Amino acid sequence: MPRRFGPTFEICRLAESVGFDFVAMGHHRFTPGEDGAASPIVLLSAIAAQTTTLRLSSAVFLFPLYPALDVAEQIATLDQISDGRTMLSFGLGYRPYEYELAGLSYGARGSRMEEGVQILKQAWTQERVYFEGRHYRIDGAAVAPRPVQQPHPPIWLGGNAMAGIERAARLADGWMIDTTKSLESARRRSAHYRSSAAALGRDSQVCLVRQIGIGPTRAYVEEVWLPDMARQLQHVYDAGGSFTGAEELMTKLRSGEPLDLDEFTGDRDIAGTPVECVTQIRAFEDATGCEYLCGIFGDSPSFDTLAASLELFGHQVIPQFA
């Protein structure tokens, strides 16, 4: 087993065994310390070979950073390798340097996404791709292989600005709510997404992405999960991410002032004992009608800590939503 990604494969097999439906890989480029996220489709292909039922997703793949036909071929190949377990989700990203270093315009990432999704659908459902837009001119490309799933693998889009939500309603099979949105913000945005999709005669699905801290006691979660997630949240903020109450929370974190679990999570994260996690997930489910939950169980937990969290969640939380 490869030493570098051996623990990743073991964690995925564990998640599969305790009832998780899918694994999602993050994605960033040109970022030292996040090297495992540089090529998520490659890593998902390796995970596909190590698992049998776990579906393969991303949260999120920065699609506009790549040529659309390249992505169409790679995802179709992943779908072949996994025998139809692919469910990719795409996002624009919030770090300008990723686009600048790739020689692309950060400001044009929305229009590149729009055109790219249209090209994917053609590539997977038609004999040849014909497209002319702002970013792409394609005259009869025949894309192979074809994905196993028909008409194509599910396409989810992230994006929490109104333009991103409406893009998901028009073009995608589902929409992902990112980790930084409060309960009320998630409720309002999911309602807008669903009404926009309904107005277009399209179905809607919501995937709620949340940071999840779970342990046998609240004290355990405060001791083990909270410091790890505080570092992660500060990293997101420093890289340009935003969220409700960010300035106040960052001031406290940088001063070394202690935070308790409720103060840190607010109504944004899911954290506590299994019973508390079930209650919090139910609140988001009631507010958004979410069909999926994508949990992030820490920034860089040890293998043992992550394994314990997944087992506890799998045995005591997942059955409550069966």
C-alpha atoms as a PDB file:
ATOM      1  CA  MET A   1       0.000   0.000   0.000  1.00  0.00           C
ATOM      2  CA  PRO A   2       1.430   3.456  -0.870  1.00  0.00           C
ATOM      3  CA  ARG A   3       2.720   5.051   2.297  1.00  0.00           C
ATOM      4  CA  ARG A   4       1.584   8.605   1.493  1.00  0.00           C
ATOM      5  CA  PHE A   5      -2.082   7.815   0.824  1.00  0.00           C
ATOM      6  CA  GLY A   6      -2.422   4.526   2.688  1.00  0.00           C
ATOM      7  CA  PRO A   7      -4.230   6.159   5.646  1.00  0.00           C
ATOM      8  CA  THR A   8      -6.590   7.932   3.225  1.00  0.00           C
ATOM      9  CA  PHE A   9      -7.594   4.620   1.664  1.00  0.00           C
ATOM     10  CA  GLU A  10      -8.018   3.030   5.085  1.00  0.00           C
ATOM     11  CA  ILE A  11     -10.251   5.873   6.260  1.00  0.00           C
ATOM     12  CA  CYS A  12     -12.391   5.565   3.117  1.00  0.00           C
ATOM     13  CA  ARG A  13     -12.817   1.820   3.630  1.00  0.00           C
ATOM     14  CA  LEU A  14     -13.791   2.487   7.245  1.00  0.00           C
ATOM     15  CA  ALA A  15     -16.327   5.131   6.203  1.00  0.00           C
ATOM     16  CA  GLU A  16     -17.835   2.709   3.707  1.00  0.00           C
ATOM     17  CA  SER A  17     -18.101  -0.022   6.358  1.00  0.00           C
ATOM     18  CA  VAL A  18     -19.969   2.180   8.888  1.00  0.00           C
ATOM     19  CA  GLY A  19     -22.574   3.481   6.469  1.00  0.00           C
ATOM     20  CA  PHE A  20     -21.278   6.611   4.766  1.00  0.00           C
ATOM     21  CA  ASP A  21     -22.624   7.105   1.222  1.00  0.00           C
ATOM     22  CA  PHE A  22     -19.838   9.161  -0.343  1.00  0.00           C
ATOM     23  CA  VAL A  23     -16.410  10.680   0.147  1.00  0.00           C
ATOM     24  CA  ALA A  24     -15.629  14.219  -1.032  1.00  0.00           C
ATOM     25  CA  MET A  25     -12.175  15.588  -1.813  1.00  0.00           C
ATOM     26  CA  GLY A  26     -11.273  19.252  -1.434  1.00  0.00           C
ATOM     27  CA  HIS A  27      -9.350  21.050  -4.162  1.00  0.00           C
ATOM     28  CA  HIS A  28      -6.763  23.831  -4.212  1.00  0.00           C
ATOM     29  CA  ARG A  29      -3.815  24.537  -6.490  1.00  0.00           C
ATOM     30  CA  PHE A  30      -0.412  26.093  -5.948  1.00  0.00           C
ATOM     31  CA  THR A  31      -0.797  25.895  -2.173  1.00  0.00           C
ATOM     32  CA  PRO A  32       2.041  24.318  -0.159  1.00  0.00           C
ATOM     33  CA  GLY A  33       0.686  22.212   2.664  1.00  0.00           C
ATOM     34  CA  GLU A  34      -2.427  21.261   0.675  1.00  0.00           C
ATOM     35  CA  ASP A  35      -0.670  18.972  -1.782  1.00  0.00           C
ATOM     36  CA  GLY A  36      -3.197  16.181  -1.318  1.00  0.00           C
ATOM     37  CA  ALA A  37      -5.892  18.467  -2.731  1.00  0.00           C
ATOM     38  CA  ALA A  38      -4.042  19.371  -5.935  1.00  0.00           C
ATOM     39  CA  SER A  39      -5.400  16.495  -8.078  1.00  0.00           C
ATOM     40  CA  PRO A  40      -8.687  15.263  -6.589  1.00  0.00           C
ATOM     41  CA  ILE A  41      -9.795  13.284  -9.646  1.00  0.00           C
ATOM     42  CA  VAL A  42      -6.554  11.297  -9.560  1.00  0.00           C
ATOM     43  CA  LEU A  43      -6.974  10.630  -5.842  1.00  0.00           C
ATOM     44  CA  LEU A  44     -10.642   9.677  -6.248  1.00  0.00           C
ATOM     45  CA  SER A  45      -9.626   7.181  -8.924  1.00  0.00           C
ATOM     46  CA  ALA A  46      -7.265   5.525  -6.445  1.00  0.00           C
ATOM     47  CA  ILE A  47     -10.015   5.513  -3.785  1.00  0.00           C
ATOM     48  CA  ALA A  48     -12.379   3.895  -6.312  1.00  0.00           C
ATOM     49  CA  ALA A  49      -9.967   0.988  -6.597  1.00  0.00           C
ATOM     50  CA  GLN A  50      -9.887   0.613  -2.801  1.00  0.00           C
ATOM     51  CA  THR A  51     -13.685   0.642  -2.225  1.00  0.00           C
ATOM     52  CA  THR A  52     -16.828  -0.975  -3.632  1.00  0.00           C
ATOM     53  CA  THR A  53     -19.910   1.133  -2.764  1.00  0.00           C
ATOM     54  CA  LEU A  54     -18.600   4.534  -1.633  1.00  0.00           C
ATOM     55  CA  ARG A  55     -19.561   7.242  -4.105  1.00  0.00           C
ATOM     56  CA  LEU A  56     -16.890   9.706  -5.197  1.00  0.00           C
ATOM     57  CA  SER A  57     -17.385  13.439  -4.947  1.00  0.00           C
ATOM     58  CA  SER A  58     -15.574  16.721  -4.399  1.00  0.00           C
ATOM     59  CA  ALA A  59     -16.249  19.715  -2.199  1.00  0.00           C
ATOM     60  CA  VAL A  60     -15.513  21.377  -4.478  1.00  0.00           C
ATOM     61  CA  PHE A  61     -13.515  20.817  -7.698  1.00  0.00           C
ATOM     62  CA  LEU A  62     -12.395  24.144  -9.184  1.00  0.00           C
ATOM     63  CA  PHE A  63     -13.612  23.353 -12.670  1.00  0.00           C
ATOM     64  CA  PRO A  64     -12.884  26.759 -14.290  1.00  0.00           C
ATOM     65  CA  LEU A  65      -9.148  26.210 -13.751  1.00  0.00           C
ATOM     66  CA  TYR A  66      -9.090  23.448 -16.409  1.00  0.00           C
ATOM     67  CA  PRO A  67     -10.108  22.983 -20.065  1.00  0.00           C
ATOM     68  CA  ALA A  68     -13.645  21.600 -20.152  1.00  0.00           C
ATOM     69  CA  LEU A  69     -12.931  18.720 -22.553  1.00  0.00           C
ATOM     70  CA  ASP A  70     -10.036  17.533 -20.363  1.00  0.00           C
ATOM     71  CA  VAL A  71     -12.368  17.413 -17.368  1.00  0.00           C
ATOM     72  CA  ALA A  72     -15.045  15.604 -19.391  1.00  0.00           C
ATOM     73  CA  GLU A  73     -12.575  12.839 -20.288  1.00  0.00           C
ATOM     74  CA  GLN A  74     -11.183  12.532 -16.769  1.00  0.00           C
ATOM     75  CA  ILE A  75     -14.553  12.344 -15.023  1.00  0.00           C
ATOM     76  CA  ALA A  76     -15.887   9.837 -17.553  1.00  0.00           C
ATOM     77  CA  THR A  77     -12.791   7.708 -16.946  1.00  0.00           C
ATOM     78  CA  LEU A  78     -13.345   7.951 -13.181  1.00  0.00           C
ATOM     79  CA  ASP A  79     -16.935   6.849 -13.712  1.00  0.00           C
ATOM     80  CA  GLN A  80     -15.680   3.858 -15.694  1.00  0.00           C
ATOM     81  CA  ILE A  81     -13.090   2.928 -13.053  1.00  0.00           C
ATOM     82  CA  SER A  82     -15.674   3.172 -10.257  1.00  0.00           C
ATOM     83  CA  ASP A  83     -18.490   1.482 -12.214  1.00  0.00           C
ATOM     84  CA  GLY A  84     -20.756   4.513 -11.991  1.00  0.00           C
ATOM     85  CA  ARG A  85     -19.992   5.927  -8.545  1.00  0.00           C
ATOM     86  CA  THR A  86     -18.989   9.458  -9.597  1.00  0.00           C
ATOM     87  CA  MET A  87     -20.918  12.541  -8.372  1.00  0.00           C
ATOM     88  CA  LEU A  88     -18.635  15.529  -8.862  1.00  0.00           C
ATOM     89  CA  SER A  89     -19.392  18.974  -7.463  1.00  0.00           C
ATOM     90  CA  PHE A  90     -17.845  22.111  -8.901  1.00  0.00           C
ATOM     91  CA  GLY A  91     -17.058  25.533  -7.476  1.00  0.00           C
ATOM     92  CA  LEU A  92     -15.408  28.795  -8.519  1.00  0.00           C
ATOM     93  CA  GLY A  93     -12.997  29.139  -5.605  1.00  0.00           C
ATOM     94  CA  TYR A  94     -12.148  32.283  -3.644  1.00  0.00           C
ATOM     95  CA  ARG A  95      -8.366  32.516  -4.039  1.00  0.00           C
ATOM     96  CA  PRO A  96      -7.333  34.808  -6.925  1.00  0.00           C
ATOM     97  CA  TYR A  97      -3.750  33.493  -7.003  1.00  0.00           C
ATOM     98  CA  GLU A  98      -4.960  30.073  -8.200  1.00  0.00           C
ATOM     99  CA  TYR A  99      -6.282  31.674 -11.384  1.00  0.00           C
ATOM    100  CA  GLU A 100      -3.424  34.112 -11.802  1.00  0.00           C
ATOM    101  CA  LEU A 101      -0.809  31.346 -11.616  1.00  0.00           C
ATOM    102  CA  ALA A 102      -2.778  29.275 -14.140  1.00  0.00           C
ATOM    103  CA  GLY A 103      -2.806  32.247 -16.533  1.00  0.00           C
ATOM    104  CA  LEU A 104      -6.564  32.733 -16.218  1.00  0.00           C
ATOM    105  CA  SER A 105      -8.785  35.654 -15.255  1.00  0.00           C
ATOM    106  CA  TYR A 106     -10.223  35.374 -11.755  1.00  0.00           C
ATOM    107  CA  GLY A 107     -13.063  37.671 -12.799  1.00  0.00           C
ATOM    108  CA  ALA A 108     -14.053  35.370 -15.667  1.00  0.00           C
ATOM    109  CA  ARG A 109     -14.385  32.218 -13.574  1.00  0.00           C
ATOM    110  CA  GLY A 110     -18.205  32.401 -13.481  1.00  0.00           C
ATOM    111  CA  SER A 111     -18.567  32.522 -17.258  1.00  0.00           C
ATOM    112  CA  ARG A 112     -15.963  29.764 -17.657  1.00  0.00           C
ATOM    113  CA  MET A 113     -18.064  27.619 -15.319  1.00  0.00           C
ATOM    114  CA  GLU A 114     -21.241  28.337 -17.303  1.00  0.00           C
ATOM    115  CA  GLU A 115     -19.653  27.314 -20.590  1.00  0.00           C
ATOM    116  CA  GLY A 116     -17.806  24.374 -19.079  1.00  0.00           C
ATOM    117  CA  VAL A 117     -20.925  22.717 -17.658  1.00  0.00           C
ATOM    118  CA  GLN A 118     -22.698  23.035 -21.015  1.00  0.00           C
ATOM    119  CA  ILE A 119     -19.706  21.394 -22.714  1.00  0.00           C
ATOM    120  CA  LEU A 120     -19.630  18.541 -20.180  1.00  0.00           C
ATOM    121  CA  LYS A 121     -23.245  17.688 -20.882  1.00  0.00           C
ATOM    122  CA  GLN A 122     -22.661  17.685 -24.636  1.00  0.00           C
ATOM    123  CA  ALA A 123     -19.509  15.607 -24.285  1.00  0.00           C
ATOM    124  CA  TRP A 124     -21.315  12.947 -22.249  1.00  0.00           C
ATOM    125  CA  THR A 125     -24.579  12.778 -24.201  1.00  0.00           C
ATOM    126  CA  GLN A 126     -23.800  13.584 -27.850  1.00  0.00           C
ATOM    127  CA  GLU A 127     -21.595  12.010 -30.478  1.00  0.00           C
ATOM    128  CA  ARG A 128     -19.649  15.232 -31.018  1.00  0.00           C
ATOM    129  CA  VAL A 129     -19.292  18.551 -29.223  1.00  0.00           C
ATOM    130  CA  TYR A 130     -20.031  21.775 -31.062  1.00  0.00           C
ATOM    131  CA  PHE A 131     -19.734  24.917 -28.999  1.00  0.00           C
ATOM    132  CA  GLU A 132     -18.910  28.568 -29.517  1.00  0.00           C
ATOM    133  CA  GLY A 133     -18.714  30.942 -26.597  1.00  0.00           C
ATOM    134  CA  ARG A 134     -16.527  33.488 -24.898  1.00  0.00           C
ATOM    135  CA  HIS A 135     -13.947  30.977 -23.706  1.00  0.00           C
ATOM    136  CA  TYR A 136     -14.406  27.906 -25.913  1.00  0.00           C
ATOM    137  CA  ARG A 137     -14.738  27.176 -29.612  1.00  0.00           C
ATOM    138  CA  ILE A 138     -15.161  23.461 -30.260  1.00  0.00           C
ATOM    139  CA  ASP A 139     -15.937  22.104 -33.709  1.00  0.00           C
ATOM    140  CA  GLY A 140     -16.953  18.479 -33.572  1.00  0.00           C
ATOM    141  CA  ALA A 141     -14.828  16.936 -30.811  1.00  0.00           C
ATOM    142  CA  ALA A 142     -15.686  13.298 -30.116  1.00  0.00           C
ATOM    143  CA  VAL A 143     -15.105  12.611 -26.408  1.00  0.00           C
ATOM    144  CA  ALA A 144     -14.286   9.144 -25.116  1.00  0.00           C
ATOM    145  CA  PRO A 145     -14.829   7.245 -22.953  1.00  0.00           C
ATOM    146  CA  ARG A 146     -18.485   7.774 -22.095  1.00  0.00           C
ATOM    147  CA  PRO A 147     -19.491   7.664 -18.421  1.00  0.00           C
ATOM    148  CA  VAL A 148     -21.292   4.621 -17.054  1.00  0.00           C
ATOM    149  CA  GLN A 149     -24.103   6.733 -15.581  1.00  0.00           C
ATOM    150  CA  GLN A 150     -26.726   7.911 -18.045  1.00  0.00           C
ATOM    151  CA  PRO A 151     -27.397  10.488 -19.223  1.00  0.00           C
ATOM    152  CA  HIS A 152     -24.340  11.577 -17.216  1.00  0.00           C
ATOM    153  CA  PRO A 153     -22.949  11.609 -13.659  1.00  0.00           C
ATOM    154  CA  PRO A 154     -24.731  14.030 -11.306  1.00  0.00           C
ATOM    155  CA  ILE A 155     -23.356  17.560 -11.433  1.00  0.00           C
ATOM    156  CA  TRP A 156     -23.534  19.659  -8.278  1.00  0.00           C
ATOM    157  CA  LEU A 157     -22.477  23.291  -8.088  1.00  0.00           C
ATOM    158  CA  GLY A 158     -21.373  25.328  -5.095  1.00  0.00           C
ATOM    159  CA  GLY A 159     -21.689  29.092  -4.857  1.00  0.00           C
ATOM    160  CA  ASN A 160     -23.506  31.180  -2.277  1.00  0.00           C
ATOM    161  CA  ALA A 161     -23.905  34.485  -4.098  1.00  0.00           C
ATOM    162  CA  MET A 162     -27.268  34.836  -5.826  1.00  0.00           C
ATOM    163  CA  ALA A 163     -25.596  34.410  -9.232  1.00  0.00           C
ATOM    164  CA  GLY A 164     -24.056  31.113  -8.120  1.00  0.00           C
ATOM    165  CA  ILE A 165     -27.319  29.829  -6.653  1.00  0.00           C
ATOM    166  CA  GLU A 166     -29.219  30.683  -9.836  1.00  0.00           C
ATOM    167  CA  ARG A 167     -26.472  29.065 -11.932  1.00  0.00           C
ATOM    168  CA  ALA A 168     -26.975  25.838  -9.972  1.00  0.00           C
ATOM    169  CA  ALA A 169     -30.734  26.045 -10.526  1.00  0.00           C
ATOM    170  CA  ARG A 170     -30.249  26.451 -14.295  1.00  0.00           C
ATOM    171  CA  LEU A 171     -27.411  24.066 -15.016  1.00  0.00           C
ATOM    172  CA  ALA A 172     -26.865  21.555 -12.222  1.00  0.00           C
ATOM    173  CA  ASP A 173     -28.546  18.558 -10.621  1.00  0.00           C
ATOM    174  CA  GLY A 174     -27.918  19.907  -7.130  1.00  0.00           C
ATOM    175  CA  TRP A 175     -26.483  22.750  -5.079  1.00  0.00           C
ATOM    176  CA  MET A 176     -23.998  22.664  -2.185  1.00  0.00           C
ATOM    177  CA  ILE A 177     -24.271  25.037   0.801  1.00  0.00           C
ATOM    178  CA  ASP A 178     -20.797  25.821   2.099  1.00  0.00           C
ATOM    179  CA  THR A 179     -19.633  25.502   5.695  1.00  0.00           C
ATOM    180  CA  THR A 180     -19.603  29.205   6.504  1.00  0.00           C
ATOM    181  CA  LYS A 181     -23.349  29.859   6.225  1.00  0.00           C
ATOM    182  CA  SER A 182     -25.479  30.131   9.357  1.00  0.00           C
ATOM    183  CA  LEU A 183     -28.744  28.254   9.802  1.00  0.00           C
ATOM    184  CA  GLU A 184     -30.809  31.287   8.766  1.00  0.00           C
ATOM    185  CA  SER A 185     -28.578  32.049   5.793  1.00  0.00           C
ATOM    186  CA  ALA A 186     -28.771  28.417   4.670  1.00  0.00           C
ATOM    187  CA  ARG A 187     -32.561  28.519   4.971  1.00  0.00           C
ATOM    188  CA  ARG A 188     -32.895  31.669   2.836  1.00  0.00           C
ATOM    189  CA  ARG A 189     -30.451  30.536   0.189  1.00  0.00           C
ATOM    190  CA  SER A 190     -31.883  27.043  -0.158  1.00  0.00           C
ATOM    191  CA  ALA A 191     -35.385  28.508  -0.535  1.00  0.00           C
ATOM    192  CA  HIS A 192     -34.113  30.792  -3.303  1.00  0.00           C
ATOM    193  CA  TYR A 193     -32.370  27.895  -5.029  1.00  0.00           C
ATOM    194  CA  ARG A 194     -35.420  25.652  -4.915  1.00  0.00           C
ATOM    195  CA  SER A 195     -37.810  28.366  -6.115  1.00  0.00           C
ATOM    196  CA  SER A 196     -35.421  29.266  -8.956  1.00  0.00           C
ATOM    197  CA  ALA A 197     -35.195  25.628 -10.059  1.00  0.00           C
ATOM    198  CA  ALA A 198     -38.975  25.169  -9.826  1.00  0.00           C
ATOM    199  CA  ALA A 199     -39.560  28.261 -11.967  1.00  0.00           C
ATOM    200  CA  LEU A 200     -37.439  26.622 -14.672  1.00  0.00           C
ATOM    201  CA  GLY A 201     -39.256  23.301 -14.357  1.00  0.00           C
ATOM    202  CA  ARG A 202     -36.162  21.646 -12.928  1.00  0.00           C
ATOM    203  CA  ASP A 203     -35.721  19.332  -9.960  1.00  0.00           C
ATOM    204  CA  SER A 204     -33.626  20.492  -7.016  1.00  0.00           C
ATOM    205  CA  GLN A 205     -31.355  18.784  -4.520  1.00  0.00           C
ATOM    206  CA  VAL A 206     -29.435  20.399  -1.676  1.00  0.00           C
ATOM    207  CA  CYS A 207     -26.206  19.121  -0.153  1.00  0.00           C
ATOM    208  CA  LEU A 208     -25.381  20.758   3.167  1.00  0.00           C
ATOM    209  CA  VAL A 209     -21.625  20.954   3.838  1.00  0.00           C
ATOM    210  CA  ARG A 210     -20.815  21.281   7.562  1.00  0.00           C
ATOM    211  CA  GLN A 211     -17.853  21.056   9.869  1.00  0.00           C
ATOM    212  CA  ILE A 212     -18.647  18.204  12.256  1.00  0.00           C
ATOM    213  CA  GLY A 213     -17.138  17.681  15.678  1.00  0.00           C
ATOM    214  CA  ILE A 214     -18.366  14.567  17.451  1.00  0.00           C
ATOM    215  CA  GLY A 215     -17.253  12.816  20.604  1.00  0.00           C
ATOM    216  CA  PRO A 216     -18.542  10.872  23.589  1.00  0.00           C
ATOM    217  CA  THR A 217     -18.728  14.111  25.627  1.00  0.00           C
ATOM    218  CA  ARG A 218     -18.781  17.852  24.932  1.00  0.00           C
ATOM    219  CA  ALA A 219     -15.557  18.182  26.890  1.00  0.00           C
ATOM    220  CA  TYR A 220     -13.853  15.777  24.467  1.00  0.00           C
ATOM    221  CA  VAL A 221     -15.034  17.797  21.458  1.00  0.00           C
ATOM    222  CA  GLU A 222     -13.812  21.048  23.037  1.00  0.00           C
ATOM    223  CA  GLU A 223     -10.430  19.545  23.835  1.00  0.00           C
ATOM    224  CA  VAL A 224      -9.755  17.598  20.629  1.00  0.00           C
ATOM    225  CA  TRP A 225     -11.832  19.090  17.797  1.00  0.00           C
ATOM    226  CA  LEU A 226     -12.154  22.773  18.679  1.00  0.00           C
ATOM    227  CA  PRO A 227      -8.431  23.750  18.526  1.00  0.00           C
ATOM    228  CA  ASP A 228      -8.030  21.916  15.219  1.00  0.00           C
ATOM    229  CA  MET A 229     -11.042  23.632  13.670  1.00  0.00           C
ATOM    230  CA  ALA A 230     -10.044  27.038  15.031  1.00  0.00           C
ATOM    231  CA  ARG A 231      -6.783  26.757  13.100  1.00  0.00           C
ATOM    232  CA  GLN A 232      -8.664  25.712   9.970  1.00  0.00           C
ATOM    233  CA  LEU A 233     -11.140  28.581  10.210  1.00  0.00           C
ATOM    234  CA  GLN A 234      -8.325  31.073  10.655  1.00  0.00           C
ATOM    235  CA  HIS A 235      -6.598  29.631   7.577  1.00  0.00           C
ATOM    236  CA  VAL A 236      -9.800  30.040   5.520  1.00  0.00           C
ATOM    237  CA  TYR A 237     -10.178  33.622   6.730  1.00  0.00           C
ATOM    238  CA  ASP A 238      -6.539  34.488   5.975  1.00  0.00           C
ATOM    239  CA  ALA A 239      -6.924  33.026   2.463  1.00  0.00           C
ATOM    240  CA  GLY A 240      -9.883  35.315   1.744  1.00  0.00           C
ATOM    241  CA  GLY A 241     -12.886  33.367   3.016  1.00  0.00           C
ATOM    242  CA  SER A 242     -15.690  35.170   4.831  1.00  0.00           C
ATOM    243  CA  PHE A 243     -18.408  34.151   7.267  1.00  0.00           C
ATOM    244  CA  THR A 244     -20.827  35.657   9.777  1.00  0.00           C
ATOM    245  CA  GLY A 245     -19.050  37.117  12.810  1.00  0.00           C
ATOM    246  CA  ALA A 246     -15.617  36.553  11.281  1.00  0.00           C
ATOM    247  CA  GLU A 247     -13.914  39.705  12.593  1.00  0.00           C
ATOM    248  CA  GLU A 248     -14.951  39.178  16.198  1.00  0.00           C
ATOM    249  CA  LEU A 249     -14.085  35.494  16.163  1.00  0.00           C
ATOM    250  CA  MET A 250     -10.692  36.071  14.533  1.00  0.00           C
ATOM    251  CA  THR A 251      -9.841  38.768  17.084  1.00  0.00           C
ATOM    252  CA  LYS A 252     -10.488  36.324  19.914  1.00  0.00           C
ATOM    253  CA  LEU A 253      -8.564  33.504  18.283  1.00  0.00           C
ATOM    254  CA  ARG A 254      -5.524  35.668  17.627  1.00  0.00           C
ATOM    255  CA  SER A 255      -5.514  37.054  21.145  1.00  0.00           C
ATOM    256  CA  GLY A 256      -5.444  33.560  22.598  1.00  0.00           C
ATOM    257  CA  GLU A 257      -8.698  34.225  24.421  1.00  0.00           C
ATOM    258  CA  PRO A 258     -10.432  30.897  25.146  1.00  0.00           C
ATOM    259  CA  LEU A 259     -13.617  30.001  23.269  1.00  0.00           C
ATOM    260  CA  ASP A 260     -16.246  27.534  24.366  1.00  0.00           C
ATOM    261  CA  LEU A 261     -17.898  25.185  21.921  1.00  0.00           C
ATOM    262  CA  ASP A 262     -21.175  27.070  21.547  1.00  0.00           C
ATOM    263  CA  GLU A 263     -19.407  30.382  20.982  1.00  0.00           C
ATOM    264  CA  PHE A 264     -17.202  28.934  18.269  1.00  0.00           C
ATOM    265  CA  THR A 265     -19.821  26.956  16.378  1.00  0.00           C
ATOM    266  CA  GLY A 266     -22.702  29.420  16.703  1.00  0.00           C
ATOM    267  CA  ASP A 267     -25.450  28.093  14.456  1.00  0.00           C
ATOM    268  CA  ARG A 268     -22.927  27.256  11.752  1.00  0.00           C
ATOM    269  CA  ASP A 269     -21.129  24.012  12.666  1.00  0.00           C
ATOM    270  CA  ILE A 270     -22.433  20.710  14.014  1.00  0.00           C
ATOM    271  CA  ALA A 271     -20.650  19.715  17.193  1.00  0.00           C
ATOM    272  CA  GLY A 272     -21.200  17.781  20.403  1.00  0.00           C
ATOM    273  CA  THR A 273     -22.285  14.334  21.469  1.00  0.00           C
ATOM    274  CA  PRO A 274     -24.089  12.057  18.984  1.00  0.00           C
ATOM    275  CA  VAL A 275     -27.465  13.112  20.390  1.00  0.00           C
ATOM    276  CA  GLU A 276     -26.568  16.785  20.032  1.00  0.00           C
ATOM    277  CA  CYS A 277     -25.320  16.240  16.480  1.00  0.00           C
ATOM    278  CA  VAL A 278     -28.585  14.542  15.503  1.00  0.00           C
ATOM    279  CA  THR A 279     -30.575  17.494  16.926  1.00  0.00           C
ATOM    280  CA  GLN A 280     -28.449  20.033  15.056  1.00  0.00           C
ATOM    281  CA  ILE A 281     -28.633  18.137  11.763  1.00  0.00           C
ATOM    282  CA  ARG A 282     -32.417  17.921  12.140  1.00  0.00           C
ATOM    283  CA  ALA A 283     -32.556  21.709  12.515  1.00  0.00           C
ATOM    284  CA  PHE A 284     -30.673  22.190   9.234  1.00  0.00           C
ATOM    285  CA  GLU A 285     -32.781  19.515   7.566  1.00  0.00           C
ATOM    286  CA  ASP A 286     -35.968  21.274   8.649  1.00  0.00           C
ATOM    287  CA  ALA A 287     -34.638  24.641   7.470  1.00  0.00           C
ATOM    288  CA  THR A 288     -33.309  23.577   4.071  1.00  0.00           C
ATOM    289  CA  GLY A 289     -34.887  20.217   3.215  1.00  0.00           C
ATOM    290  CA  CYS A 290     -31.352  19.033   2.404  1.00  0.00           C
ATOM    291  CA  GLU A 291     -31.163  15.617   0.806  1.00  0.00           C
ATOM    292  CA  TYR A 292     -27.423  15.196   1.492  1.00  0.00           C
ATOM    293  CA  LEU A 293     -24.974  16.079   4.245  1.00  0.00           C
ATOM    294  CA  CYS A 294     -21.258  16.363   3.526  1.00  0.00           C
ATOM    295  CA  GLY A 295     -19.336  16.376   6.808  1.00  0.00           C
ATOM    296  CA  ILE A 296     -15.804  17.679   7.358  1.00  0.00           C
ATOM    297  CA  PHE A 297     -14.497  15.989  10.509  1.00  0.00           C
ATOM    298  CA  GLY A 298     -11.576  18.266  11.272  1.00  0.00           C
ATOM    299  CA  ASP A 299      -8.749  20.103   9.543  1.00  0.00           C
ATOM    300  CA  SER A 300      -5.842  17.752  10.181  1.00  0.00           C
ATOM    301  CA  PRO A 301      -6.879  15.255  12.852  1.00  0.00           C
ATOM    302  CA  SER A 302      -4.732  12.257  13.648  1.00  0.00           C
ATOM    303  CA  PHE A 303      -5.719   8.990  12.013  1.00  0.00           C
ATOM    304  CA  ASP A 304      -7.028   7.616  15.320  1.00  0.00           C
ATOM    305  CA  THR A 305      -9.065  10.753  16.048  1.00  0.00           C
ATOM    306  CA  LEU A 306     -10.645  10.795  12.597  1.00  0.00           C
ATOM    307  CA  ALA A 307     -11.360   7.058  12.669  1.00  0.00           C
ATOM    308  CA  ALA A 308     -13.029   7.368  16.079  1.00  0.00           C
ATOM    309  CA  SER A 309     -15.186  10.261  14.841  1.00  0.00           C
ATOM    310  CA  LEU A 310     -16.314   8.374  11.740  1.00  0.00           C
ATOM    311  CA  GLU A 311     -17.145   5.240  13.712  1.00  0.00           C
ATOM    312  CA  LEU A 312     -19.153   7.166  16.303  1.00  0.00           C
ATOM    313  CA  PHE A 313     -21.012   9.123  13.610  1.00  0.00           C
ATOM    314  CA  GLY A 314     -21.608   6.003  11.546  1.00  0.00           C
ATOM    315  CA  HIS A 315     -22.920   3.918  14.430  1.00  0.00           C
ATOM    316  CA  GLN A 316     -24.935   6.522  16.341  1.00  0.00           C
ATOM    317  CA  VAL A 317     -25.916   9.325  13.932  1.00  0.00           C
ATOM    318  CA  ILE A 318     -26.365   7.870  10.446  1.00  0.00           C
ATOM    319  CA  PRO A 319     -28.966   5.269  11.591  1.00  0.00           C
ATOM    320  CA  GLN A 320     -31.167   8.118  12.844  1.00  0.00           C
ATOM    321  CA  PHE A 321     -31.605   9.283   9.231  1.00  0.00           C
ATOM    322  CA  ALA A 322     -32.059   5.908   7.558  1.00  0.00           C
END
